[in-house]
Amino acid sequence: MDNNFDQNFEQFNEVSELLKALAHPVRLCIVKGLLKKGHCNVGYMQECLQLPQSTVSQHLQKLRSCGIVKTERNGLEVNYTIADERVKQLVQIFFGEELS
């Protein structure tokens, strides 16, 4: 019997984790905002989202752990940017619009 299914589940696990991280409304909003703005800090996101800084930071940590966002330090300020280009394509598919 010919097995047409890929037995290497590592790539499926990676993509699944990426999708799980994006499957939260706040995280999806953060990602979409970063794609539009290019980069920003937690304080800016907190104001836009009207959520406590600790909540925004927790969501950012999840996005960082999945490799979706990365940080760039500028003096005392830490800015977040998108680290995974696949995310841009996904958000364009989800929302049907061009992003920067």
Protein backbone atom coordinates (compact mmCIF):
# COMPACT_ATOMS: atom_id res chain seq x y z
CA MET A 1 0.00 0.00 0.00
CA ASP A 2 1.41 3.38 -1.04
CA ASN A 3 1.54 5.90 1.80
CA ASN A 4 0.93 9.40 0.44
CA PHE A 5 0.90 11.07 3.84
CA ASP A 6 4.06 12.75 5.11
CA GLN A 7 5.15 11.01 8.30
CA ASN A 8 7.34 13.95 9.36
CA PHE A 9 5.00 15.74 11.73
CA GLU A 10 7.56 18.32 12.86
CA GLN A 11 6.60 20.75 10.09
CA PHE A 12 2.92 20.25 10.94
CA ASN A 13 3.61 20.92 14.61
CA GLU A 14 5.42 24.17 13.77
CA VAL A 15 2.60 25.45 11.56
CA SER A 16 0.00 24.33 14.08
CA GLU A 17 1.74 26.31 16.86
CA LEU A 18 1.90 29.37 14.60
CA LEU A 19 -1.82 29.14 13.87
CA LYS A 20 -2.66 28.59 17.55
CA ALA A 21 -0.72 31.71 18.48
CA LEU A 22 -2.62 33.74 15.87
CA ALA A 23 -5.97 32.25 16.93
CA HIS A 24 -6.46 34.81 19.73
CA PRO A 25 -8.20 38.11 18.83
CA VAL A 26 -5.73 40.28 20.76
CA ARG A 27 -2.68 38.59 19.25
CA LEU A 28 -4.17 38.79 15.76
CA CYS A 29 -4.85 42.50 16.34
CA ILE A 30 -1.26 43.04 17.54
CA VAL A 31 0.14 41.28 14.47
CA LYS A 32 -2.10 43.20 12.07
CA GLY A 33 -1.15 46.47 13.75
CA LEU A 34 2.57 45.68 13.55
CA LEU A 35 2.26 44.81 9.88
CA LYS A 36 0.56 48.17 9.21
CA LYS A 37 2.84 50.30 11.41
CA GLY A 38 6.10 48.39 10.93
CA HIS A 39 7.16 48.52 14.58
CA CYS A 40 5.96 49.86 17.93
CA ASN A 41 6.43 49.49 21.67
CA VAL A 42 4.22 48.00 24.37
CA GLY A 43 3.01 51.40 25.56
CA TYR A 44 1.68 52.29 22.13
CA MET A 45 -0.03 48.91 21.80
CA GLN A 46 -1.51 49.24 25.28
CA GLU A 47 -3.09 52.58 24.35
CA CYS A 48 -4.46 51.27 21.05
CA LEU A 49 -5.84 48.07 22.56
CA GLN A 50 -6.96 49.70 25.82
CA LEU A 51 -5.63 46.73 27.79
CA PRO A 52 -3.29 46.58 30.80
CA GLN A 53 0.41 46.52 29.92
CA SER A 54 0.78 43.13 31.62
CA THR A 55 -1.87 41.64 29.33
CA VAL A 56 -0.27 43.06 26.19
CA SER A 57 3.15 41.82 27.37
CA GLN A 58 1.81 38.30 27.92
CA HIS A 59 0.43 38.21 24.38
CA LEU A 60 3.70 39.55 22.99
CA GLN A 61 5.64 36.88 24.88
CA LYS A 62 3.50 34.18 23.25
CA LEU A 63 4.10 35.73 19.83
CA ARG A 64 7.84 35.91 20.52
CA SER A 65 8.04 32.31 21.70
CA CYS A 66 6.49 31.20 18.40
CA GLY A 67 8.90 33.34 16.37
CA ILE A 68 6.12 35.58 15.05
CA VAL A 69 7.54 38.83 16.46
CA LYS A 70 11.01 39.96 17.45
CA THR A 71 12.32 42.85 19.52
CA GLU A 72 14.63 45.67 18.57
CA ARG A 73 16.12 47.84 21.31
CA ASN A 74 16.44 51.57 20.70
CA GLY A 75 18.04 53.00 23.85
CA LEU A 76 15.58 52.27 26.65
CA GLU A 77 12.72 51.62 24.26
CA VAL A 78 11.94 48.11 23.02
CA ASN A 79 10.10 47.95 19.72
CA TYR A 80 8.38 44.90 18.30
CA THR A 81 8.38 43.92 14.62
CA ILE A 82 7.13 40.94 12.63
CA ALA A 83 9.77 38.21 12.38
CA ASP A 84 7.98 35.64 10.21
CA GLU A 85 7.02 36.66 6.67
CA ARG A 86 4.42 33.87 6.47
CA VAL A 87 2.34 35.84 8.97
CA LYS A 88 2.02 38.76 6.56
CA GLN A 89 0.62 36.42 3.91
CA LEU A 90 -1.82 34.86 6.38
CA VAL A 91 -3.13 38.22 7.61
CA GLN A 92 -3.61 39.37 4.01
CA ILE A 93 -5.63 36.20 3.35
CA PHE A 94 -7.67 36.59 6.57
CA PHE A 95 -8.51 40.27 6.07
CA GLY A 96 -8.28 40.58 2.28
CA GLU A 97 -6.14 43.70 2.27
CA GLU A 98 -2.61 44.75 1.41
CA LEU A 99 -0.33 45.56 4.32
CA SER A 100 2.91 47.54 4.13
